[in-house]
PDB file of N, CA and C in Angstrom:
ATOM      1  N   MET A   1      -5.187 -36.171  80.810  1.00  0.00           N
ATOM      2  CA  MET A   1      -5.087 -37.559  80.398  1.00  0.00           C
ATOM      3  C   MET A   1      -3.671 -37.795  79.891  1.00  0.00           C
ATOM      4  N   SER A   2      -3.095 -38.902  80.308  1.00  0.00           N
ATOM      5  CA  SER A   2      -1.725 -39.205  79.909  1.00  0.00           C
ATOM      6  C   SER A   2      -1.684 -39.753  78.483  1.00  0.00           C
ATOM      7  N   THR A   3      -0.483 -39.822  77.949  1.00  0.00           N
ATOM      8  CA  THR A   3      -0.299 -40.352  76.607  1.00  0.00           C
ATOM      9  C   THR A   3      -0.684 -41.825  76.545  1.00  0.00           C
ATOM     10  N   HIS A   4      -0.364 -42.568  77.599  1.00  0.00           N
ATOM     11  CA  HIS A   4      -0.711 -43.989  77.631  1.00  0.00           C
ATOM     12  C   HIS A   4      -2.226 -44.196  77.618  1.00  0.00           C
ATOM     13  N   ALA A   5      -2.952 -43.361  78.331  1.00  0.00           N
ATOM     14  CA  ALA A   5      -4.409 -43.476  78.353  1.00  0.00           C
ATOM     15  C   ALA A   5      -4.998 -43.168  76.974  1.00  0.00           C
ATOM     16  N   ALA A   6      -4.434 -42.163  76.300  1.00  0.00           N
ATOM     17  CA  ALA A   6      -4.914 -41.829  74.959  1.00  0.00           C
ATOM     18  C   ALA A   6      -4.624 -42.969  73.987  1.00  0.00           C
ATOM     19  N   LEU A   7      -3.457 -43.585  74.096  1.00  0.00           N
ATOM     20  CA  LEU A   7      -3.132 -44.725  73.233  1.00  0.00           C
ATOM     21  C   LEU A   7      -4.043 -45.916  73.517  1.00  0.00           C
ATOM     22  N   ASP A   8      -4.387 -46.123  74.777  1.00  0.00           N
ATOM     23  CA  ASP A   8      -5.312 -47.202  75.116  1.00  0.00           C
ATOM     24  C   ASP A   8      -6.695 -46.954  74.525  1.00  0.00           C
ATOM     25  N   CYS A   9      -7.123 -45.700  74.499  1.00  0.00           N
ATOM     26  CA  CYS A   9      -8.408 -45.370  73.863  1.00  0.00           C
ATOM     27  C   CYS A   9      -8.364 -45.642  72.367  1.00  0.00           C
ATOM     28  N   ILE A  10      -7.238 -45.328  71.735  1.00  0.00           N
ATOM     29  CA  ILE A  10      -7.082 -45.594  70.308  1.00  0.00           C
ATOM     30  C   ILE A  10      -7.096 -47.095  70.040  1.00  0.00           C
ATOM     31  N   VAL A  11      -6.428 -47.871  70.903  1.00  0.00           N
ATOM     32  CA  VAL A  11      -6.424 -49.330  70.755  1.00  0.00           C
ATOM     33  C   VAL A  11      -7.837 -49.875  70.900  1.00  0.00           C
ATOM     34  N   MET A  12      -8.586 -49.380  71.881  1.00  0.00           N
ATOM     35  CA  MET A  12      -9.964 -49.853  72.058  1.00  0.00           C
ATOM     36  C   MET A  12     -10.821 -49.541  70.839  1.00  0.00           C
ATOM     37  N   ALA A  13     -10.754 -48.305  70.358  1.00  0.00           N
ATOM     38  CA  ALA A  13     -11.586 -47.910  69.216  1.00  0.00           C
ATOM     39  C   ALA A  13     -11.210 -48.691  67.958  1.00  0.00           C
ATOM     40  N   GLY A  14      -9.919 -48.828  67.698  1.00  0.00           N
ATOM     41  CA  GLY A  14      -9.476 -49.582  66.527  1.00  0.00           C
ATOM     42  C   GLY A  14      -9.836 -51.052  66.605  1.00  0.00           C
ATOM     43  N   SER A  15      -9.758 -51.613  67.800  1.00  0.00           N
ATOM     44  CA  SER A  15     -10.097 -53.027  67.971  1.00  0.00           C
ATOM     45  C   SER A  15     -11.581 -53.271  67.744  1.00  0.00           C
ATOM     46  N   VAL A  16     -12.408 -52.375  68.223  1.00  0.00           N
ATOM     47  CA  VAL A  16     -13.850 -52.520  68.006  1.00  0.00           C
ATOM     48  C   VAL A  16     -14.165 -52.414  66.511  1.00  0.00           C
ATOM     49  N   MET A  17     -13.538 -51.461  65.833  1.00  0.00           N
ATOM     50  CA  MET A  17     -13.781 -51.298  64.401  1.00  0.00           C
ATOM     51  C   MET A  17     -13.344 -52.533  63.617  1.00  0.00           C
ATOM     52  N   LEU A  18     -12.159 -53.069  63.940  1.00  0.00           N
ATOM     53  CA  LEU A  18     -11.684 -54.260  63.231  1.00  0.00           C
ATOM     54  C   LEU A  18     -12.494 -55.495  63.606  1.00  0.00           C
ATOM     55  N   GLY A  19     -12.985 -55.541  64.831  1.00  0.00           N
ATOM     56  CA  GLY A  19     -13.832 -56.654  65.234  1.00  0.00           C
ATOM     57  C   GLY A  19     -15.126 -56.702  64.445  1.00  0.00           C
ATOM     58  N   PHE A  20     -15.702 -55.548  64.167  1.00  0.00           N
ATOM     59  CA  PHE A  20     -16.936 -55.506  63.390  1.00  0.00           C
ATOM     60  C   PHE A  20     -16.686 -55.649  61.895  1.00  0.00           C
ATOM     61  N   HIS A  21     -15.433 -55.506  61.463  1.00  0.00           N
ATOM     62  CA  HIS A  21     -15.087 -55.679  60.055  1.00  0.00           C
ATOM     63  C   HIS A  21     -15.376 -57.110  59.601  1.00  0.00           C
ATOM     64  N   ALA A  22     -15.319 -58.047  60.522  1.00  0.00           N
ATOM     65  CA  ALA A  22     -15.569 -59.452  60.182  1.00  0.00           C
ATOM     66  C   ALA A  22     -17.012 -59.696  59.777  1.00  0.00           C
ATOM     67  N   PHE A  23     -17.930 -58.848  60.202  1.00  0.00           N
ATOM     68  CA  PHE A  23     -19.349 -59.048  59.935  1.00  0.00           C
ATOM     69  C   PHE A  23     -19.841 -58.272  58.721  1.00  0.00           C
ATOM     70  N   ASP A  24     -18.916 -57.724  57.934  1.00  0.00           N
ATOM     71  CA  ASP A  24     -19.275 -56.993  56.725  1.00  0.00           C
ATOM     72  C   ASP A  24     -19.669 -57.995  55.649  1.00  0.00           C
ATOM     73  N   LYS A  25     -20.936 -58.052  55.313  1.00  0.00           N
ATOM     74  CA  LYS A  25     -21.444 -59.027  54.340  1.00  0.00           C
ATOM     75  C   LYS A  25     -21.131 -58.624  52.902  1.00  0.00           C
ATOM     76  N   LYS A  26     -20.690 -57.393  52.688  1.00  0.00           N
ATOM     77  CA  LYS A  26     -20.428 -56.926  51.338  1.00  0.00           C
ATOM     78  C   LYS A  26     -19.050 -57.341  50.830  1.00  0.00           C
ATOM     79  N   ARG A  27     -18.200 -57.858  51.709  1.00  0.00           N
ATOM     80  CA  ARG A  27     -16.845 -58.239  51.310  1.00  0.00           C
ATOM     81  C   ARG A  27     -16.661 -59.743  51.433  1.00  0.00           C
ATOM     82  N   VAL A  28     -15.827 -60.272  50.557  1.00  0.00           N
ATOM     83  CA  VAL A  28     -15.480 -61.685  50.607  1.00  0.00           C
ATOM     84  C   VAL A  28     -14.230 -61.814  51.477  1.00  0.00           C
ATOM     85  N   ILE A  29     -14.390 -62.424  52.634  1.00  0.00           N
ATOM     86  CA  ILE A  29     -13.283 -62.582  53.578  1.00  0.00           C
ATOM     87  C   ILE A  29     -13.206 -64.056  53.954  1.00  0.00           C
ATOM     88  N   ALA A  30     -11.989 -64.593  54.020  1.00  0.00           N
ATOM     89  CA  ALA A  30     -11.796 -65.992  54.381  1.00  0.00           C
ATOM     90  C   ALA A  30     -12.286 -66.241  55.808  1.00  0.00           C
ATOM     91  N   ARG A  31     -12.662 -67.498  56.078  1.00  0.00           N
ATOM     92  CA  ARG A  31     -13.194 -67.852  57.390  1.00  0.00           C
ATOM     93  C   ARG A  31     -12.167 -67.619  58.502  1.00  0.00           C
ATOM     94  N   TRP A  32     -10.895 -67.988  58.233  1.00  0.00           N
ATOM     95  CA  TRP A  32      -9.866 -67.785  59.261  1.00  0.00           C
ATOM     96  C   TRP A  32      -9.662 -66.296  59.529  1.00  0.00           C
ATOM     97  N   ALA A  33      -9.824 -65.469  58.496  1.00  0.00           N
ATOM     98  CA  ALA A  33      -9.658 -64.033  58.679  1.00  0.00           C
ATOM     99  C   ALA A  33     -10.815 -63.450  59.493  1.00  0.00           C
ATOM    100  N   ARG A  34     -12.026 -63.962  59.266  1.00  0.00           N
ATOM    101  CA  ARG A  34     -13.166 -63.508  60.066  1.00  0.00           C
ATOM    102  C   ARG A  34     -12.937 -63.811  61.546  1.00  0.00           C
ATOM    103  N   MET A  35     -12.455 -65.023  61.836  1.00  0.00           N
ATOM    104  CA  MET A  35     -12.188 -65.393  63.224  1.00  0.00           C
ATOM    105  C   MET A  35     -11.066 -64.536  63.803  1.00  0.00           C
ATOM    106  N   SER A  36     -10.049 -64.245  62.992  1.00  0.00           N
ATOM    107  CA  SER A  36      -8.953 -63.397  63.459  1.00  0.00           C
ATOM    108  C   SER A  36      -9.439 -61.987  63.775  1.00  0.00           C
ATOM    109  N   PHE A  37     -10.328 -61.449  62.925  1.00  0.00           N
ATOM    110  CA  PHE A  37     -10.885 -60.124  63.190  1.00  0.00           C
ATOM    111  C   PHE A  37     -11.672 -60.114  64.494  1.00  0.00           C
ATOM    112  N   VAL A  38     -12.471 -61.151  64.734  1.00  0.00           N
ATOM    113  CA  VAL A  38     -13.279 -61.216  65.960  1.00  0.00           C
ATOM    114  C   VAL A  38     -12.379 -61.339  67.185  1.00  0.00           C
ATOM    115  N   ILE A  39     -11.389 -62.229  67.127  1.00  0.00           N
ATOM    116  CA  ILE A  39     -10.466 -62.390  68.256  1.00  0.00           C
ATOM    117  C   ILE A  39      -9.693 -61.099  68.491  1.00  0.00           C
ATOM    118  N   PHE A  40      -9.264 -60.446  67.411  1.00  0.00           N
ATOM    119  CA  PHE A  40      -8.569 -59.167  67.529  1.00  0.00           C
ATOM    120  C   PHE A  40      -9.448 -58.147  68.235  1.00  0.00           C
ATOM    121  N   GLY A  41     -10.721 -58.099  67.859  1.00  0.00           N
ATOM    122  CA  GLY A  41     -11.634 -57.139  68.477  1.00  0.00           C
ATOM    123  C   GLY A  41     -11.821 -57.387  69.960  1.00  0.00           C
ATOM    124  N   VAL A  42     -11.990 -58.634  70.337  1.00  0.00           N
ATOM    125  CA  VAL A  42     -12.214 -58.966  71.749  1.00  0.00           C
ATOM    126  C   VAL A  42     -10.958 -58.707  72.582  1.00  0.00           C
ATOM    127  N   VAL A  43      -9.823 -59.243  72.128  1.00  0.00           N
ATOM    128  CA  VAL A  43      -8.577 -59.084  72.891  1.00  0.00           C
ATOM    129  C   VAL A  43      -8.153 -57.620  72.943  1.00  0.00           C
ATOM    130  N   GLY A  44      -8.288 -56.913  71.826  1.00  0.00           N
ATOM    131  CA  GLY A  44      -7.906 -55.502  71.801  1.00  0.00           C
ATOM    132  C   GLY A  44      -8.773 -54.633  72.691  1.00  0.00           C
ATOM    133  N   THR A  45     -10.067 -54.911  72.722  1.00  0.00           N
ATOM    134  CA  THR A  45     -10.961 -54.138  73.580  1.00  0.00           C
ATOM    135  C   THR A  45     -10.657 -54.389  75.051  1.00  0.00           C
ATOM    136  N   ILE A  46     -10.417 -55.651  75.398  1.00  0.00           N
ATOM    137  CA  ILE A  46     -10.113 -55.973  76.793  1.00  0.00           C
ATOM    138  C   ILE A  46      -8.788 -55.353  77.225  1.00  0.00           C
ATOM    139  N   THR A  47      -7.728 -55.530  76.420  1.00  0.00           N
ATOM    140  CA  THR A  47      -6.429 -54.971  76.813  1.00  0.00           C
ATOM    141  C   THR A  47      -6.471 -53.448  76.827  1.00  0.00           C
ATOM    142  N   GLY A  48      -7.191 -52.860  75.888  1.00  0.00           N
ATOM    143  CA  GLY A  48      -7.306 -51.402  75.877  1.00  0.00           C
ATOM    144  C   GLY A  48      -8.041 -50.868  77.093  1.00  0.00           C
ATOM    145  N   PHE A  49      -9.140 -51.527  77.466  1.00  0.00           N
ATOM    146  CA  PHE A  49      -9.908 -51.057  78.613  1.00  0.00           C
ATOM    147  C   PHE A  49      -9.142 -51.248  79.917  1.00  0.00           C
ATOM    148  N   VAL A  50      -8.517 -52.419  80.088  1.00  0.00           N
ATOM    149  CA  VAL A  50      -7.763 -52.670  81.320  1.00  0.00           C
ATOM    150  C   VAL A  50      -6.574 -51.711  81.416  1.00  0.00           C
ATOM    151  N   GLY A  51      -5.882 -51.498  80.302  1.00  0.00           N
ATOM    152  CA  GLY A  51      -4.769 -50.543  80.302  1.00  0.00           C
ATOM    153  C   GLY A  51      -5.232 -49.122  80.599  1.00  0.00           C
ATOM    154  N   PHE A  52      -6.378 -48.738  80.034  1.00  0.00           N
ATOM    155  CA  PHE A  52      -6.940 -47.406  80.279  1.00  0.00           C
ATOM    156  C   PHE A  52      -7.308 -47.233  81.745  1.00  0.00           C
ATOM    157  N   ALA A  53      -7.965 -48.247  82.308  1.00  0.00           N
ATOM    158  CA  ALA A  53      -8.353 -48.170  83.721  1.00  0.00           C
ATOM    159  C   ALA A  53      -7.128 -48.137  84.620  1.00  0.00           C
ATOM    160  N   TRP A  54      -6.096 -48.868  84.267  1.00  0.00           N
ATOM    161  CA  TRP A  54      -4.866 -48.894  85.064  1.00  0.00           C
ATOM    162  C   TRP A  54      -4.135 -47.556  84.975  1.00  0.00           C
ATOM    163  N   ASP A  55      -4.127 -46.936  83.771  1.00  0.00           N
ATOM    164  CA  ASP A  55      -3.474 -45.636  83.601  1.00  0.00           C
ATOM    165  C   ASP A  55      -4.177 -44.530  84.384  1.00  0.00           C
ATOM    166  N   LEU A  56      -5.493 -44.615  84.487  1.00  0.00           N
ATOM    167  CA  LEU A  56      -6.235 -43.580  85.211  1.00  0.00           C
ATOM    168  C   LEU A  56      -6.300 -43.828  86.710  1.00  0.00           C
ATOM    169  N   GLY A  57      -5.756 -44.951  87.159  1.00  0.00           N
ATOM    170  CA  GLY A  57      -5.732 -45.239  88.585  1.00  0.00           C
ATOM    171  C   GLY A  57      -6.996 -45.879  89.108  1.00  0.00           C
ATOM    172  N   TRP A  58      -7.816 -46.426  88.220  1.00  0.00           N
ATOM    173  CA  TRP A  58      -9.034 -47.099  88.669  1.00  0.00           C
ATOM    174  C   TRP A  58      -8.717 -48.464  89.253  1.00  0.00           C
ATOM    175  N   ILE A  59      -7.570 -49.022  88.889  1.00  0.00           N
ATOM    176  CA  ILE A  59      -7.145 -50.322  89.392  1.00  0.00           C
ATOM    177  C   ILE A  59      -5.949 -50.096  90.309  1.00  0.00           C
ATOM    178  N   ILE A  60      -6.091 -50.426  91.571  1.00  0.00           N
ATOM    179  CA  ILE A  60      -5.023 -50.279  92.559  1.00  0.00           C
ATOM    180  C   ILE A  60      -4.527 -51.676  92.915  1.00  0.00           C
ATOM    181  N   LEU A  61      -3.245 -51.916  92.691  1.00  0.00           N
ATOM    182  CA  LEU A  61      -2.665 -53.231  92.929  1.00  0.00           C
ATOM    183  C   LEU A  61      -1.396 -53.117  93.761  1.00  0.00           C
ATOM    184  N   THR A  62      -0.975 -54.245  94.293  1.00  0.00           N
ATOM    185  CA  THR A  62       0.323 -54.305  94.969  1.00  0.00           C
ATOM    186  C   THR A  62       1.419 -54.316  93.901  1.00  0.00           C
ATOM    187  N   SER A  63       2.663 -54.285  94.317  1.00  0.00           N
ATOM    188  CA  SER A  63       3.754 -54.288  93.336  1.00  0.00           C
ATOM    189  C   SER A  63       3.771 -55.592  92.541  1.00  0.00           C
ATOM    190  N   GLU A  64       3.465 -56.705  93.201  1.00  0.00           N
ATOM    191  CA  GLU A  64       3.400 -57.988  92.491  1.00  0.00           C
ATOM    192  C   GLU A  64       2.230 -58.003  91.511  1.00  0.00           C
ATOM    193  N   GLY A  65       1.094 -57.453  91.907  1.00  0.00           N
ATOM    194  CA  GLY A  65      -0.060 -57.371  91.022  1.00  0.00           C
ATOM    195  C   GLY A  65       0.195 -56.471  89.828  1.00  0.00           C
ATOM    196  N   CYS A  66       0.897 -55.360  90.069  1.00  0.00           N
ATOM    197  CA  CYS A  66       1.245 -54.458  88.964  1.00  0.00           C
ATOM    198  C   CYS A  66       2.147 -55.154  87.955  1.00  0.00           C
ATOM    199  N   ARG A  67       3.098 -55.936  88.460  1.00  0.00           N
ATOM    200  CA  ARG A  67       3.999 -56.654  87.576  1.00  0.00           C
ATOM    201  C   ARG A  67       3.234 -57.683  86.749  1.00  0.00           C
ATOM    202  N   LEU A  68       2.343 -58.433  87.387  1.00  0.00           N
ATOM    203  CA  LEU A  68       1.552 -59.434  86.669  1.00  0.00           C
ATOM    204  C   LEU A  68       0.609 -58.799  85.646  1.00  0.00           C
ATOM    205  N   LEU A  69      -0.033 -57.692  86.025  1.00  0.00           N
ATOM    206  CA  LEU A  69      -0.939 -57.018  85.097  1.00  0.00           C
ATOM    207  C   LEU A  69      -0.166 -56.435  83.921  1.00  0.00           C
ATOM    208  N   GLY A  70       0.982 -55.841  84.198  1.00  0.00           N
ATOM    209  CA  GLY A  70       1.812 -55.300  83.126  1.00  0.00           C
ATOM    210  C   GLY A  70       2.257 -56.380  82.158  1.00  0.00           C
ATOM    211  N   ASN A  71       2.689 -57.521  82.683  1.00  0.00           N
ATOM    212  CA  ASN A  71       3.092 -58.632  81.818  1.00  0.00           C
ATOM    213  C   ASN A  71       1.917 -59.176  81.022  1.00  0.00           C
ATOM    214  N   SER A  72       0.730 -59.227  81.628  1.00  0.00           N
ATOM    215  CA  SER A  72      -0.460 -59.701  80.919  1.00  0.00           C
ATOM    216  C   SER A  72      -0.838 -58.754  79.782  1.00  0.00           C
ATOM    217  N   LEU A  73      -0.736 -57.456  80.025  1.00  0.00           N
ATOM    218  CA  LEU A  73      -1.027 -56.488  78.968  1.00  0.00           C
ATOM    219  C   LEU A  73      -0.018 -56.593  77.835  1.00  0.00           C
ATOM    220  N   ILE A  74       1.237 -56.815  78.163  1.00  0.00           N
ATOM    221  CA  ILE A  74       2.261 -56.982  77.134  1.00  0.00           C
ATOM    222  C   ILE A  74       1.966 -58.220  76.281  1.00  0.00           C
ATOM    223  N   MET A  75       1.567 -59.318  76.935  1.00  0.00           N
ATOM    224  CA  MET A  75       1.237 -60.528  76.181  1.00  0.00           C
ATOM    225  C   MET A  75      -0.002 -60.320  75.309  1.00  0.00           C
ATOM    226  N   GLY A  76      -0.999 -59.608  75.827  1.00  0.00           N
ATOM    227  CA  GLY A  76      -2.196 -59.324  75.034  1.00  0.00           C
ATOM    228  C   GLY A  76      -1.896 -58.463  73.831  1.00  0.00           C
ATOM    229  N   ARG A  77      -1.051 -57.473  74.005  1.00  0.00           N
ATOM    230  CA  ARG A  77      -0.687 -56.603  72.881  1.00  0.00           C
ATOM    231  C   ARG A  77       0.195 -57.337  71.887  1.00  0.00           C
ATOM    232  N   GLY A  78       1.015 -58.251  72.374  1.00  0.00           N
ATOM    233  CA  GLY A  78       1.797 -59.094  71.468  1.00  0.00           C
ATOM    234  C   GLY A  78       0.902 -60.003  70.639  1.00  0.00           C
ATOM    235  N   ALA A  79      -0.155 -60.513  71.262  1.00  0.00           N
ATOM    236  CA  ALA A  79      -1.121 -61.329  70.526  1.00  0.00           C
ATOM    237  C   ALA A  79      -1.821 -60.502  69.453  1.00  0.00           C
ATOM    238  N   LEU A  80      -2.101 -59.236  69.749  1.00  0.00           N
ATOM    239  CA  LEU A  80      -2.724 -58.363  68.753  1.00  0.00           C
ATOM    240  C   LEU A  80      -1.807 -58.167  67.553  1.00  0.00           C
ATOM    241  N   VAL A  81      -0.535 -57.948  67.807  1.00  0.00           N
ATOM    242  CA  VAL A  81       0.416 -57.794  66.700  1.00  0.00           C
ATOM    243  C   VAL A  81       0.519 -59.092  65.919  1.00  0.00           C
ATOM    244  N   GLY A  82       0.527 -60.220  66.635  1.00  0.00           N
ATOM    245  CA  GLY A  82       0.585 -61.514  65.977  1.00  0.00           C
ATOM    246  C   GLY A  82      -0.637 -61.813  65.130  1.00  0.00           C
ATOM    247  N   LEU A  83      -1.790 -61.314  65.502  1.00  0.00           N
ATOM    248  CA  LEU A  83      -2.992 -61.481  64.696  1.00  0.00           C
ATOM    249  C   LEU A  83      -3.043 -60.497  63.529  1.00  0.00           C
ATOM    250  N   LEU A  84      -2.475 -59.327  63.716  1.00  0.00           N
ATOM    251  CA  LEU A  84      -2.556 -58.282  62.697  1.00  0.00           C
ATOM    252  C   LEU A  84      -1.618 -58.542  61.526  1.00  0.00           C
ATOM    253  N   ILE A  85      -0.435 -59.094  61.789  1.00  0.00           N
ATOM    254  CA  ILE A  85       0.543 -59.304  60.724  1.00  0.00           C
ATOM    255  C   ILE A  85       0.030 -60.251  59.638  1.00  0.00           C
ATOM    256  N   PRO A  86      -0.522 -61.428  59.973  1.00  0.00           N
ATOM    257  CA  PRO A  86      -1.048 -62.279  58.892  1.00  0.00           C
ATOM    258  C   PRO A  86      -2.214 -61.643  58.127  1.00  0.00           C
ATOM    259  N   LEU A  87      -3.044 -60.866  58.821  1.00  0.00           N
ATOM    260  CA  LEU A  87      -4.146 -60.199  58.129  1.00  0.00           C
ATOM    261  C   LEU A  87      -3.627 -59.171  57.134  1.00  0.00           C
ATOM    262  N   LEU A  88      -2.577 -58.468  57.488  1.00  0.00           N
ATOM    263  CA  LEU A  88      -1.999 -57.492  56.576  1.00  0.00           C
ATOM    264  C   LEU A  88      -1.288 -58.172  55.406  1.00  0.00           C
ATOM    265  N   LEU A  89      -0.531 -59.240  55.693  1.00  0.00           N
ATOM    266  CA  LEU A  89       0.206 -59.919  54.633  1.00  0.00           C
ATOM    267  C   LEU A  89      -0.707 -60.645  53.653  1.00  0.00           C
ATOM    268  N   SER A  90      -1.849 -61.127  54.106  1.00  0.00           N
ATOM    269  CA  SER A  90      -2.783 -61.828  53.213  1.00  0.00           C
ATOM    270  C   SER A  90      -3.728 -60.863  52.500  1.00  0.00           C
ATOM    271  N   GLN A  91      -3.641 -59.613  52.799  1.00  0.00           N
ATOM    272  CA  GLN A  91      -4.456 -58.550  52.193  1.00  0.00           C
ATOM    273  C   GLN A  91      -5.950 -58.764  52.398  1.00  0.00           C
ATOM    274  N   GLN A  92      -6.322 -59.268  53.575  1.00  0.00           N
ATOM    275  CA  GLN A  92      -7.735 -59.465  53.888  1.00  0.00           C
ATOM    276  C   GLN A  92      -8.450 -58.139  54.128  1.00  0.00           C
ATOM    277  N   PHE A  93      -7.698 -57.073  54.403  1.00  0.00           N
ATOM    278  CA  PHE A  93      -8.314 -55.758  54.593  1.00  0.00           C
ATOM    279  C   PHE A  93      -8.805 -55.181  53.266  1.00  0.00           C
ATOM    280  N   MET A  94      -8.089 -55.490  52.188  1.00  0.00           N
ATOM    281  CA  MET A  94      -8.356 -54.856  50.906  1.00  0.00           C
ATOM    282  C   MET A  94      -9.205 -55.702  49.974  1.00  0.00           C
ATOM    283  N   ARG A  95      -9.991 -56.601  50.501  1.00  0.00           N
ATOM    284  CA  ARG A  95     -10.841 -57.438  49.651  1.00  0.00           C
ATOM    285  C   ARG A  95     -11.881 -56.574  48.957  1.00  0.00           C
ATOM    286  N   GLU A  96     -12.172 -56.938  47.713  1.00  0.00           N
ATOM    287  CA  GLU A  96     -13.151 -56.200  46.929  1.00  0.00           C
ATOM    288  C   GLU A  96     -14.562 -56.493  47.431  1.00  0.00           C
ATOM    289  N   LYS A  97     -15.433 -55.540  47.236  1.00  0.00           N
ATOM    290  CA  LYS A  97     -16.831 -55.746  47.589  1.00  0.00           C
ATOM    291  C   LYS A  97     -17.485 -56.664  46.574  1.00  0.00           C
ATOM    292  N   LYS A  98     -18.426 -57.466  47.054  1.00  0.00           N
ATOM    293  CA  LYS A  98     -19.178 -58.362  46.170  1.00  0.00           C
ATOM    294  C   LYS A  98     -20.080 -57.530  45.285  1.00  0.00           C
ATOM    295  N   GLU A  99     -20.204 -57.966  44.046  1.00  0.00           N
ATOM    296  CA  GLU A  99     -21.147 -57.331  43.148  1.00  0.00           C
ATOM    297  C   GLU A  99     -22.401 -58.178  43.091  1.00  0.00           C
ATOM    298  N   ASN A 100     -23.540 -57.522  43.131  1.00  0.00           N
ATOM    299  CA  ASN A 100     -24.817 -58.249  43.081  1.00  0.00           C
ATOM    300  C   ASN A 100     -25.189 -58.500  41.631  1.00  0.00           C
ATOM    301  N   GLN A 101     -24.899 -59.719  41.145  1.00  0.00           N
ATOM    302  CA  GLN A 101     -25.273 -60.106  39.799  1.00  0.00           C
ATOM    303  C   GLN A 101     -26.261 -61.257  39.881  1.00  0.00           C
ATOM    304  N   PRO A 102     -27.259 -61.265  39.046  1.00  0.00           N
ATOM    305  CA  PRO A 102     -28.159 -62.411  39.010  1.00  0.00           C
ATOM    306  C   PRO A 102     -27.391 -63.669  38.600  1.00  0.00           C
ATOM    307  N   ALA A 103     -27.816 -64.810  39.100  1.00  0.00           N
ATOM    308  CA  ALA A 103     -27.098 -66.072  38.860  1.00  0.00           C
ATOM    309  C   ALA A 103     -27.159 -66.489  37.387  1.00  0.00           C
ATOM    310  N   ASP A 104     -28.235 -66.185  36.680  1.00  0.00           N
ATOM    311  CA  ASP A 104     -28.364 -66.650  35.295  1.00  0.00           C
ATOM    312  C   ASP A 104     -27.963 -65.591  34.280  1.00  0.00           C
ATOM    313  N   SER A 105     -27.365 -64.495  34.674  1.00  0.00           N
ATOM    314  CA  SER A 105     -26.930 -63.483  33.710  1.00  0.00           C
ATOM    315  C   SER A 105     -25.488 -63.754  33.330  1.00  0.00           C
ATOM    316  N   ASP A 106     -25.147 -63.503  32.102  1.00  0.00           N
ATOM    317  CA  ASP A 106     -23.805 -63.719  31.592  1.00  0.00           C
ATOM    318  C   ASP A 106     -23.145 -62.353  31.434  1.00  0.00           C
ATOM    319  N   PRO A 107     -22.066 -62.063  32.186  1.00  0.00           N
ATOM    320  CA  PRO A 107     -21.464 -60.746  32.114  1.00  0.00           C
ATOM    321  C   PRO A 107     -20.759 -60.476  30.802  1.00  0.00           C
ATOM    322  N   GLU A 108     -20.414 -61.526  30.029  1.00  0.00           N
ATOM    323  CA  GLU A 108     -19.698 -61.326  28.772  1.00  0.00           C
ATOM    324  C   GLU A 108     -20.645 -61.188  27.589  1.00  0.00           C
ATOM    325  N   ALA A 109     -21.919 -61.448  27.769  1.00  0.00           N
ATOM    326  CA  ALA A 109     -22.871 -61.392  26.642  1.00  0.00           C
ATOM    327  C   ALA A 109     -23.315 -59.992  26.347  1.00  0.00           C
TER     328      ALA A 109
END
């Protein structure tokens, strides 16, 4: 397996993990961040799988098709970086877990 194929597998696995991070009910995450996690998961899984299949030779294209597919993968990976930077800067990854407190209990009493 080539280095590119291994990196594509890592991108797929990481994208799936981050995509499911949006559905974690134990953390308080902003709505825009949840959508970003889901879009990241979908786009990352697709670009990772297509890149993996292309690296292993499962996709045979003409030279023009190879150029178009390569450019599409570059744009998809650029979109992933563009989605990841705001999530990192807003610290949506490090949100604290919700604590289960009854509504009528006073924590200071």
